[in-house]
Amino acid sequence: HTVDITDYQAVHTAMQSAQERLGPIHILINNAGQVSSQPFEKTDLDLWQSMISINLSGTYNCTHAALPSMLQAAAMGTPGRIIQIASTAGLQGYAYVSAYAAAKHGVIGLTRSLALELARKNITVNAICPGYTETSIVESAVANIMTKTGKTAAQALEALANRNPQKKLVLPEEIAQSVIWLCNSNSSSVNGQAIAIDGGELAG
């Protein structure tokens, strides 16, 4: 199903349709996200609400729609896994993306609160917090840097990669492998964590 995750009713309808076709929900990966860069004084209410709606309320909508099915399955013995794809911006501040950072901090808070609430119900809740990763979001960031600074695409990409102590972008495959690990039955004691995958950016 293709669905606008900011539309509460549409998300619930899509989840119900998926369950009718495929059965109970065991794993939910909240991966949709968007970032827009502006200085705070130029961050108008529309931009603010857009970042909150997509990155935080969208996570709420999907989790709220999936959780009843997950709880039923978990009660019958099939563990549930909720995994949020957050960001290092959920763990520290970044200039010029205040709305995005606020939303991702909210996702981390939601993750930790749900982890405690569901800890005895056979469901774990964790977040993956990537640094700059080779995705369309980075492509947008490169374009933005080029427009505002006059740097070439290569220079803009290098500037982003330099945020990572390993001097490279994170690969999507690295995020995917971390998600797979969290879904594994051997990860049942990993709960309420915000796992940074950033080459050590937040280490010091």
Protein backbone atom coordinates (compact mmCIF):
# COMPACT_ATOMS: atom_id res chain seq x y z
CA HIS A 1 0.00 0.00 0.00
CA THR A 2 1.12 3.53 -0.67
CA VAL A 3 -0.08 5.80 2.10
CA ASP A 4 0.49 9.28 3.47
CA ILE A 5 1.78 8.57 6.98
CA THR A 6 0.55 11.95 8.19
CA ASP A 7 -3.04 10.81 7.50
CA TYR A 8 -4.15 8.96 10.64
CA GLN A 9 -7.21 7.32 9.09
CA ALA A 10 -5.44 6.33 5.87
CA VAL A 11 -2.67 4.64 7.87
CA HIS A 12 -5.20 2.68 9.95
CA THR A 13 -7.06 1.62 6.81
CA ALA A 14 -3.85 0.45 5.13
CA MET A 15 -2.74 -1.48 8.22
CA GLN A 16 -6.10 -3.21 8.44
CA SER A 17 -6.00 -4.14 4.76
CA ALA A 18 -2.49 -5.54 5.14
CA GLN A 19 -3.55 -7.65 8.11
CA GLU A 20 -6.50 -9.06 6.18
CA ARG A 21 -4.14 -10.17 3.41
CA LEU A 22 -1.07 -11.20 5.38
CA GLY A 23 -2.12 -11.88 8.96
CA PRO A 24 -1.03 -10.36 12.27
CA ILE A 25 1.69 -7.71 12.45
CA HIS A 26 4.88 -8.86 14.16
CA ILE A 27 7.40 -6.24 13.03
CA LEU A 28 6.94 -2.52 12.43
CA ILE A 29 9.76 -0.43 10.97
CA ASN A 30 9.02 3.29 10.99
CA ASN A 31 11.35 4.38 8.22
CA ALA A 32 9.64 7.31 6.50
CA GLY A 33 11.17 10.70 7.12
CA GLN A 34 11.94 14.06 5.62
CA VAL A 35 14.24 16.98 6.44
CA SER A 36 14.14 20.64 5.46
CA SER A 37 16.95 23.04 6.34
CA GLN A 38 16.37 26.64 7.40
CA PRO A 39 17.71 28.95 10.09
CA PHE A 40 15.29 29.01 13.00
CA GLU A 41 14.16 32.58 12.33
CA LYS A 42 13.14 31.49 8.82
CA THR A 43 11.42 28.35 10.07
CA ASP A 44 7.79 29.32 9.66
CA LEU A 45 4.87 27.47 11.19
CA ASP A 46 4.19 25.49 8.01
CA LEU A 47 7.74 24.11 7.93
CA TRP A 48 7.67 23.39 11.67
CA GLN A 49 4.37 21.53 11.48
CA SER A 50 5.47 19.63 8.37
CA MET A 51 8.60 18.29 10.08
CA ILE A 52 6.67 17.31 13.21
CA SER A 53 3.84 15.78 11.19
CA ILE A 54 6.05 13.62 8.95
CA ASN A 55 8.80 12.63 11.36
CA LEU A 56 6.98 12.38 14.70
CA SER A 57 3.23 12.18 14.13
CA GLY A 58 3.79 9.77 11.24
CA THR A 59 5.65 7.48 13.63
CA TYR A 60 2.79 7.78 16.10
CA ASN A 61 0.18 7.04 13.42
CA CYS A 62 1.91 3.88 12.19
CA THR A 63 2.67 2.59 15.68
CA HIS A 64 -0.84 3.29 16.94
CA ALA A 65 -2.32 1.46 13.95
CA ALA A 66 -0.06 -1.60 14.23
CA LEU A 67 0.09 -2.05 17.99
CA PRO A 68 -3.26 -3.80 18.65
CA SER A 69 -2.37 -6.58 16.19
CA MET A 70 1.17 -6.83 17.61
CA LEU A 71 -0.15 -7.13 21.15
CA GLN A 72 -2.48 -9.96 20.16
CA ALA A 73 0.32 -11.82 18.36
CA ALA A 74 2.72 -11.26 21.25
CA ALA A 75 0.19 -12.59 23.74
CA MET A 76 -0.02 -15.76 21.61
CA GLY A 77 3.78 -16.19 21.73
CA THR A 78 5.09 -14.32 18.68
CA PRO A 79 7.40 -11.51 19.84
CA GLY A 80 6.81 -8.02 18.49
CA ARG A 81 9.46 -5.62 17.27
CA ILE A 82 9.02 -1.88 16.75
CA ILE A 83 12.03 -0.17 15.21
CA GLN A 84 12.20 3.55 14.55
CA ILE A 85 14.65 4.90 12.00
CA ALA A 86 15.49 8.12 13.80
CA SER A 87 18.71 10.12 13.38
CA THR A 88 21.73 11.36 15.23
CA ALA A 89 19.68 14.58 15.19
CA GLY A 90 17.48 12.83 17.76
CA LEU A 91 20.47 12.59 20.11
CA GLN A 92 22.10 16.00 19.66
CA GLY A 93 21.33 19.35 18.12
CA TYR A 94 22.24 20.39 14.59
CA ALA A 95 22.15 23.97 13.38
CA TYR A 96 19.61 24.91 10.69
CA VAL A 97 17.41 21.84 11.15
CA SER A 98 15.76 22.72 14.45
CA ALA A 99 12.30 21.44 13.46
CA TYR A 100 13.70 18.14 12.20
CA ALA A 101 15.89 17.72 15.29
CA ALA A 102 12.95 18.47 17.58
CA ALA A 103 10.86 15.84 15.79
CA LYS A 104 13.60 13.21 15.97
CA HIS A 105 14.17 13.96 19.67
CA GLY A 106 10.45 13.29 20.04
CA VAL A 107 10.84 9.94 18.27
CA ILE A 108 13.55 8.95 20.76
CA GLY A 109 11.33 9.96 23.67
CA LEU A 110 8.45 7.95 22.22
CA THR A 111 10.76 4.96 21.73
CA ARG A 112 11.94 4.97 25.34
CA SER A 113 8.47 5.48 26.78
CA LEU A 114 6.93 2.70 24.68
CA ALA A 115 9.80 0.36 25.53
CA LEU A 116 8.95 0.67 29.21
CA GLU A 117 5.22 0.39 28.61
CA LEU A 118 5.55 -2.77 26.50
CA ALA A 119 8.50 -4.41 28.27
CA ARG A 120 6.38 -7.14 29.87
CA LYS A 121 4.18 -7.67 26.82
CA ASN A 122 6.70 -9.48 24.61
CA ILE A 123 7.35 -6.42 22.42
CA THR A 124 10.59 -4.46 22.20
CA VAL A 125 10.93 -0.90 20.94
CA ASN A 126 14.24 0.51 19.72
CA ALA A 127 15.57 3.28 17.50
CA ILE A 128 18.37 3.32 14.98
CA CYS A 129 20.05 6.74 14.73
CA PRO A 130 22.07 7.05 11.53
CA GLY A 131 24.51 9.82 10.78
CA TYR A 132 24.68 11.15 7.24
CA THR A 133 23.71 8.21 5.03
CA GLU A 134 23.72 7.67 1.25
CA THR A 135 20.02 8.41 0.73
CA SER A 136 17.88 10.99 -1.03
CA ILE A 137 17.99 13.10 2.15
CA VAL A 138 21.75 13.51 1.70
CA GLU A 139 21.21 14.34 -1.97
CA SER A 140 18.89 17.14 -0.87
CA ALA A 141 21.45 18.32 1.69
CA VAL A 142 24.16 18.41 -0.98
CA ALA A 143 21.93 20.47 -3.27
CA ASN A 144 21.15 22.86 -0.43
CA ILE A 145 24.84 23.32 0.42
CA MET A 146 25.67 23.96 -3.23
CA THR A 147 22.95 26.62 -3.49
CA LYS A 148 23.87 28.43 -0.29
CA THR A 149 27.67 28.20 -0.37
CA GLY A 150 28.66 27.83 -4.01
CA LYS A 151 30.49 24.59 -3.31
CA THR A 152 30.60 21.85 -5.92
CA ALA A 153 28.67 18.63 -5.38
CA ALA A 154 31.90 16.83 -4.50
CA GLN A 155 32.86 19.51 -1.98
CA ALA A 156 29.41 19.48 -0.40
CA LEU A 157 29.46 15.70 -0.14
CA GLU A 158 32.92 15.81 1.41
CA ALA A 159 31.72 18.35 3.99
CA LEU A 160 28.94 15.99 5.07
CA ALA A 161 31.24 12.95 5.12
CA ASN A 162 33.69 14.88 7.30
CA ARG A 163 31.12 14.95 10.10
CA ASN A 164 31.85 11.24 10.42
CA PRO A 165 35.23 10.48 12.08
CA GLN A 166 35.64 7.70 9.51
CA LYS A 167 35.31 10.38 6.80
CA LYS A 168 32.60 8.56 4.91
CA LEU A 169 28.85 8.34 4.62
CA VAL A 170 26.97 5.52 6.29
CA LEU A 171 25.64 2.94 3.83
CA PRO A 172 21.94 2.01 3.79
CA GLU A 173 22.99 -1.65 4.01
CA GLU A 174 24.56 -0.95 7.40
CA ILE A 175 21.25 0.40 8.67
CA ALA A 176 19.39 -2.58 7.22
CA GLN A 177 21.70 -5.09 8.93
CA SER A 178 21.15 -3.35 12.26
CA VAL A 179 17.40 -3.54 11.79
CA ILE A 180 17.62 -7.24 10.96
CA TRP A 181 19.65 -7.80 14.13
CA LEU A 182 17.04 -6.03 16.25
CA CYS A 183 14.33 -8.21 14.70
CA ASN A 184 16.21 -11.38 15.62
CA SER A 185 14.95 -13.47 18.53
CA ASN A 186 18.42 -13.25 20.08
CA SER A 187 17.93 -9.49 20.56
CA SER A 188 14.97 -9.80 22.91
CA SER A 189 16.79 -8.04 25.77
CA VAL A 190 17.67 -5.01 23.65
CA ASN A 191 14.89 -2.59 24.50
CA GLY A 192 14.50 1.17 24.70
CA GLN A 193 17.80 1.82 22.97
CA ALA A 194 18.78 4.61 20.57
CA ILE A 195 21.65 3.05 18.61
CA ALA A 196 23.85 5.52 16.77
CA ILE A 197 25.36 4.35 13.48
CA ASP A 198 27.59 7.28 12.71
CA GLY A 199 31.21 6.19 12.51
CA GLY A 200 31.80 7.58 16.00
CA GLU A 201 30.43 11.10 15.43
CA LEU A 202 28.71 11.18 18.83
CA ALA A 203 31.59 9.52 20.65
CA GLY A 204 33.39 12.70 21.50
